[in-house]
């Protein structure tokens, strides 16, 4: 059962994410202008840009969290597809099931969001129980342990799984949230500045986890940290005023940017 929920080959599990003609905003304000992007299967795509450029809005449009904000609107489409293009699903299609969608497209926020009244074990198991209500206790235990190991947290909490999640440090809570997302076997993982509130050690552990997950999960990460994007992403997108200015492999974008605005941003001349 654990293997089913934690697949190991990108071609079997990790989809591409295709964003087409996507615009979004709030009331009269447009935050994203006609975005067209593809995030490759099993790769880490970093989204960089100054504050207010639309990074988090773009991320939230992928799993339809954006539309829950007051006066929010979206036009365009997001397609989740496998590498062979046999299977393709529109996030904004009429048949889209939001509950199912958000289980397959997990999200980790800037600040840790553990369920405050739950134990460490129940935090990780909560989504799994909802998704697979017939799973037995032993199967749930196996998946929870596997998720905690993948999140690099098992050794630190194995002897206190029944303890409240709020007793963990900030870095541990963030890894717990990652374990909770991984337990339900997401095909895509959205990361909105997941290390912004962590100390250097916590940041290192999260980065190591993201690096290790590549290939099994397609990840799209918003970050203000240029060094972080350079360290752990495969591809980078530079967003400015709600528009894609440049997209390239991370190595290409940081060493030979094509647009002078990209070069100005990554060298710290603005932002």
Protein backbone atom coordinates (compact mmCIF):
# COMPACT_ATOMS: atom_id res chain seq x y z
CA UNK A 1 0.00 0.00 0.00
CA UNK A 2 2.80 2.39 0.83
CA UNK A 3 4.32 1.92 -2.61
CA UNK A 4 1.06 2.91 -4.27
CA UNK A 5 0.91 6.17 -2.34
CA UNK A 6 4.59 6.98 -2.78
CA UNK A 7 5.50 6.08 -6.39
CA UNK A 8 9.10 6.25 -7.45
CA UNK A 9 9.19 6.86 -11.21
CA UNK A 10 8.46 10.21 -12.80
CA UNK A 11 6.97 8.61 -15.92
CA UNK A 12 4.47 6.67 -13.77
CA UNK A 13 3.40 9.43 -11.43
CA UNK A 14 4.70 12.93 -11.97
CA UNK A 15 2.70 14.95 -14.51
CA UNK A 16 3.45 18.04 -16.48
CA UNK A 17 1.62 21.23 -15.53
CA UNK A 18 0.53 23.33 -18.50
CA UNK A 19 -0.72 26.86 -17.89
CA UNK A 20 -2.44 28.48 -20.87
CA UNK A 21 -3.63 32.06 -21.32
CA UNK A 22 -4.12 32.42 -17.56
CA UNK A 23 -5.20 35.78 -16.23
CA UNK A 24 -6.38 36.40 -12.68
CA UNK A 25 -7.14 39.22 -10.32
CA UNK A 26 -9.33 40.76 -7.68
CA UNK A 27 -12.26 42.92 -8.76
CA UNK A 28 -10.92 45.56 -11.18
CA UNK A 29 -7.29 44.71 -10.46
CA UNK A 30 -5.45 42.24 -12.71
CA UNK A 31 -2.66 40.35 -10.91
CA UNK A 32 -1.70 37.96 -13.73
CA UNK A 33 -1.68 38.75 -17.44
CA UNK A 34 -2.06 35.94 -19.98
CA UNK A 35 0.40 33.52 -18.36
CA UNK A 36 1.64 30.61 -20.51
CA UNK A 37 4.01 28.13 -18.85
CA UNK A 38 4.87 24.46 -18.71
CA UNK A 39 6.35 22.79 -15.65
CA UNK A 40 8.11 19.62 -16.73
CA UNK A 41 7.24 16.26 -15.12
CA UNK A 42 9.24 15.43 -12.01
CA UNK A 43 11.20 18.68 -12.05
CA UNK A 44 11.42 21.60 -9.63
CA UNK A 45 10.33 24.91 -11.10
CA UNK A 46 11.16 28.06 -9.12
CA UNK A 47 9.09 31.21 -9.56
CA UNK A 48 11.01 34.36 -8.69
CA UNK A 49 10.20 38.06 -8.81
CA UNK A 50 9.71 41.09 -6.57
CA UNK A 51 6.94 41.32 -3.97
CA UNK A 52 3.52 41.88 -5.49
CA UNK A 53 4.41 40.51 -8.93
CA UNK A 54 1.81 37.72 -8.78
CA UNK A 55 3.91 34.72 -7.71
CA UNK A 56 1.61 33.46 -4.96
CA UNK A 57 -1.48 34.23 -7.02
CA UNK A 58 -0.12 32.07 -9.82
CA UNK A 59 0.58 29.22 -7.42
CA UNK A 60 -2.91 29.40 -5.92
CA UNK A 61 -4.53 29.38 -9.35
CA UNK A 62 -3.03 25.95 -10.03
CA UNK A 63 -5.10 24.26 -7.31
CA UNK A 64 -7.95 26.80 -7.40
CA UNK A 65 -7.36 28.35 -4.02
CA UNK A 66 -7.23 31.81 -5.58
CA UNK A 67 -10.93 31.89 -6.38
CA UNK A 68 -11.77 31.55 -2.67
CA UNK A 69 -10.58 35.11 -2.07
CA UNK A 70 -13.14 37.96 -2.11
CA UNK A 71 -13.77 39.38 -5.60
CA UNK A 72 -11.26 36.93 -7.14
CA UNK A 73 -11.58 35.95 -10.79
CA UNK A 74 -9.68 33.69 -13.20
CA UNK A 75 -9.61 33.23 -16.97
CA UNK A 76 -7.64 30.63 -18.91
CA UNK A 77 -6.78 27.06 -18.03
CA UNK A 78 -4.38 24.76 -16.21
CA UNK A 79 -3.86 21.23 -17.52
CA UNK A 80 -2.35 18.39 -15.51
CA UNK A 81 -0.99 15.75 -17.88
CA UNK A 82 1.36 12.79 -17.98
CA UNK A 83 4.49 12.77 -20.10
CA UNK A 84 2.94 10.57 -22.78
CA UNK A 85 -0.06 12.93 -23.08
CA UNK A 86 -2.46 9.98 -22.84
CA UNK A 87 -4.04 11.51 -19.77
CA UNK A 88 -4.86 15.18 -19.46
CA UNK A 89 -7.14 16.96 -17.02
CA UNK A 90 -8.33 20.54 -16.93
CA UNK A 91 -8.16 22.05 -13.45
CA UNK A 92 -10.89 24.51 -14.48
CA UNK A 93 -13.01 22.01 -16.40
CA UNK A 94 -16.69 21.54 -15.60
CA UNK A 95 -15.99 18.05 -14.27
CA UNK A 96 -13.22 19.14 -11.88
CA UNK A 97 -13.74 17.93 -8.30
CA UNK A 98 -12.04 20.43 -5.98
CA UNK A 99 -11.61 17.99 -3.09
CA UNK A 100 -10.00 15.38 -5.33
CA UNK A 101 -7.98 18.05 -7.12
CA UNK A 102 -6.42 19.41 -3.93
CA UNK A 103 -5.48 15.94 -2.80
CA UNK A 104 -3.52 15.41 -6.02
CA UNK A 105 -2.08 18.93 -6.04
CA UNK A 106 -0.70 19.43 -2.54
CA UNK A 107 0.36 22.78 -1.14
CA UNK A 108 2.73 23.89 1.61
CA UNK A 109 2.49 27.48 2.77
CA UNK A 110 5.04 30.02 3.94
CA UNK A 111 4.22 29.46 7.61
CA UNK A 112 3.69 25.97 9.04
CA UNK A 113 -0.01 25.08 9.30
CA UNK A 114 -0.27 21.97 11.49
CA UNK A 115 -3.71 21.10 12.84
CA UNK A 116 -3.33 22.52 16.33
CA UNK A 117 -5.64 20.11 18.16
CA UNK A 118 -4.20 16.96 16.58
CA UNK A 119 -1.30 14.72 17.43
CA UNK A 120 1.73 14.40 15.18
CA UNK A 121 0.39 11.07 13.90
CA UNK A 122 -3.12 12.37 13.23
CA UNK A 123 -1.77 15.42 11.40
CA UNK A 124 -0.12 13.16 8.84
CA UNK A 125 -2.96 10.62 8.75
CA UNK A 126 -5.85 13.09 8.44
CA UNK A 127 -5.88 13.47 4.66
CA UNK A 128 -5.09 9.80 4.16
CA UNK A 129 -8.11 8.74 6.20
CA UNK A 130 -10.37 11.06 4.23
CA UNK A 131 -9.03 9.81 0.90
CA UNK A 132 -8.95 6.10 1.82
CA UNK A 133 -11.61 5.55 4.53
CA UNK A 134 -11.31 1.76 4.35
CA UNK A 135 -7.61 1.62 5.17
CA UNK A 136 -6.78 -0.40 8.27
CA UNK A 137 -4.79 0.94 11.20
CA UNK A 138 -1.64 -0.97 10.19
CA UNK A 139 -1.75 0.36 6.64
CA UNK A 140 -2.21 3.92 7.90
CA UNK A 141 0.72 3.49 10.29
CA UNK A 142 2.93 2.29 7.43
CA UNK A 143 2.07 5.24 5.20
CA UNK A 144 2.48 7.77 8.02
CA UNK A 145 5.90 6.37 8.89
CA UNK A 146 6.95 6.44 5.23
CA UNK A 147 5.79 10.05 4.83
CA UNK A 148 7.64 11.12 7.97
CA UNK A 149 10.80 9.38 6.74
CA UNK A 150 10.55 11.10 3.35
CA UNK A 151 10.13 14.42 5.15
CA UNK A 152 13.24 13.72 7.24
CA UNK A 153 11.28 13.84 10.49
CA UNK A 154 10.83 10.21 11.54
CA UNK A 155 13.85 9.91 13.82
CA UNK A 156 12.87 13.07 15.67
CA UNK A 157 9.25 12.10 16.37
CA UNK A 158 9.07 8.29 16.24
CA UNK A 159 8.81 8.03 20.03
CA UNK A 160 6.18 10.78 20.45
CA UNK A 161 3.70 10.35 17.62
CA UNK A 162 0.81 10.81 20.04
CA UNK A 163 2.17 14.19 21.20
CA UNK A 164 0.59 17.43 20.06
CA UNK A 165 2.02 18.81 16.81
CA UNK A 166 2.40 22.26 18.36
CA UNK A 167 5.20 20.99 20.59
CA UNK A 168 7.45 20.76 17.52
CA UNK A 169 9.82 23.52 16.47
CA UNK A 170 8.97 25.71 13.47
CA UNK A 171 11.21 23.72 11.16
CA UNK A 172 9.78 20.44 12.40
CA UNK A 173 6.24 21.73 11.92
CA UNK A 174 7.03 22.66 8.33
CA UNK A 175 8.41 19.18 7.66
CA UNK A 176 5.29 17.77 9.32
CA UNK A 177 3.16 19.74 6.86
CA UNK A 178 5.25 18.31 4.02
CA UNK A 179 4.75 14.80 5.42
CA UNK A 180 1.00 15.45 5.61
CA UNK A 181 1.00 16.46 1.94
CA UNK A 182 3.15 13.50 0.90
CA UNK A 183 1.02 10.94 2.75
CA UNK A 184 -1.80 11.21 0.22
CA UNK A 185 0.55 10.75 -2.73
CA UNK A 186 0.24 14.11 -4.56
CA UNK A 187 1.24 14.26 -8.21
CA UNK A 188 2.08 17.96 -7.93
CA UNK A 189 3.40 19.86 -4.90
CA UNK A 190 3.09 23.65 -4.65
CA UNK A 191 5.48 25.38 -2.26
CA UNK A 192 4.86 29.01 -1.32
CA UNK A 193 8.12 30.22 0.22
CA UNK A 194 8.32 27.10 2.42
CA UNK A 195 11.51 28.17 4.22
CA UNK A 196 10.83 31.90 4.67
CA UNK A 197 10.12 31.59 8.41
CA UNK A 198 12.80 28.98 9.19
CA UNK A 199 16.31 29.17 10.58
CA UNK A 200 19.29 28.06 8.43
CA UNK A 201 19.19 24.46 9.68
CA UNK A 202 15.45 24.16 9.07
CA UNK A 203 15.91 25.70 5.64
CA UNK A 204 18.65 23.21 4.78
CA UNK A 205 16.50 20.24 5.72
CA UNK A 206 13.54 21.45 3.66
CA UNK A 207 15.80 22.10 0.67
CA UNK A 208 17.29 18.61 0.97
CA UNK A 209 13.80 17.15 1.01
CA UNK A 210 12.73 19.09 -2.09
CA UNK A 211 15.90 17.99 -3.85
CA UNK A 212 15.28 14.34 -2.93
CA UNK A 213 11.63 14.43 -4.09
CA UNK A 214 12.46 15.48 -7.64
CA UNK A 215 11.53 12.78 -10.12
CA UNK A 216 8.65 11.42 -8.06
CA UNK A 217 6.68 14.67 -7.71
CA UNK A 218 6.41 17.73 -9.94
CA UNK A 219 7.14 20.75 -7.74
CA UNK A 220 6.51 24.45 -8.30
CA UNK A 221 8.09 26.71 -5.69
CA UNK A 222 7.76 30.43 -5.04
CA UNK A 223 10.87 31.92 -3.46
CA UNK A 224 12.42 35.33 -2.86
CA UNK A 225 15.78 33.66 -2.27
CA UNK A 226 17.91 33.69 -5.41
CA UNK A 227 20.50 31.36 -3.89
CA UNK A 228 17.78 28.89 -2.96
CA UNK A 229 16.35 28.88 -6.47
CA UNK A 230 19.83 28.32 -7.89
CA UNK A 231 20.54 25.48 -5.45
CA UNK A 232 17.47 23.30 -5.78
CA UNK A 233 15.42 24.14 -8.88
CA UNK A 234 15.75 22.70 -12.37
CA UNK A 235 13.92 25.52 -14.13
CA UNK A 236 13.24 29.12 -13.13
CA UNK A 237 10.53 31.57 -14.15
CA UNK A 238 10.97 35.32 -13.66
CA UNK A 239 7.67 37.10 -13.08
CA UNK A 240 7.30 40.89 -13.13
CA UNK A 241 4.06 42.87 -12.78
CA UNK A 242 2.00 39.76 -13.40
CA UNK A 243 3.78 38.80 -16.61
CA UNK A 244 6.32 36.11 -17.46
CA UNK A 245 9.49 37.94 -18.47
CA UNK A 246 11.72 34.91 -18.90
CA UNK A 247 11.70 31.16 -18.40
CA UNK A 248 14.74 28.92 -18.78
CA UNK A 249 16.68 26.19 -17.06
CA UNK A 250 17.97 27.54 -13.79
CA UNK A 251 21.57 27.39 -14.96
CA UNK A 252 20.76 29.35 -18.12
CA UNK A 253 18.65 31.98 -16.40
CA UNK A 254 21.21 32.71 -13.69
CA UNK A 255 24.30 32.63 -15.87
CA UNK A 256 23.06 34.06 -19.17
CA UNK A 257 19.68 35.78 -18.81
CA UNK A 258 18.25 36.95 -22.12
CA UNK A 259 16.16 39.85 -20.84
CA UNK A 260 17.90 42.84 -19.19
CA UNK A 261 15.11 43.02 -16.60
CA UNK A 262 15.93 39.46 -15.50
CA UNK A 263 19.60 40.33 -15.16
CA UNK A 264 18.78 43.47 -13.17
CA UNK A 265 16.62 41.48 -10.76
CA UNK A 266 18.94 38.55 -10.14
CA UNK A 267 21.91 40.89 -9.62
CA UNK A 268 19.97 42.86 -7.01
CA UNK A 269 19.50 46.13 -8.88
CA UNK A 270 15.82 46.14 -7.98
CA UNK A 271 13.26 44.07 -6.08
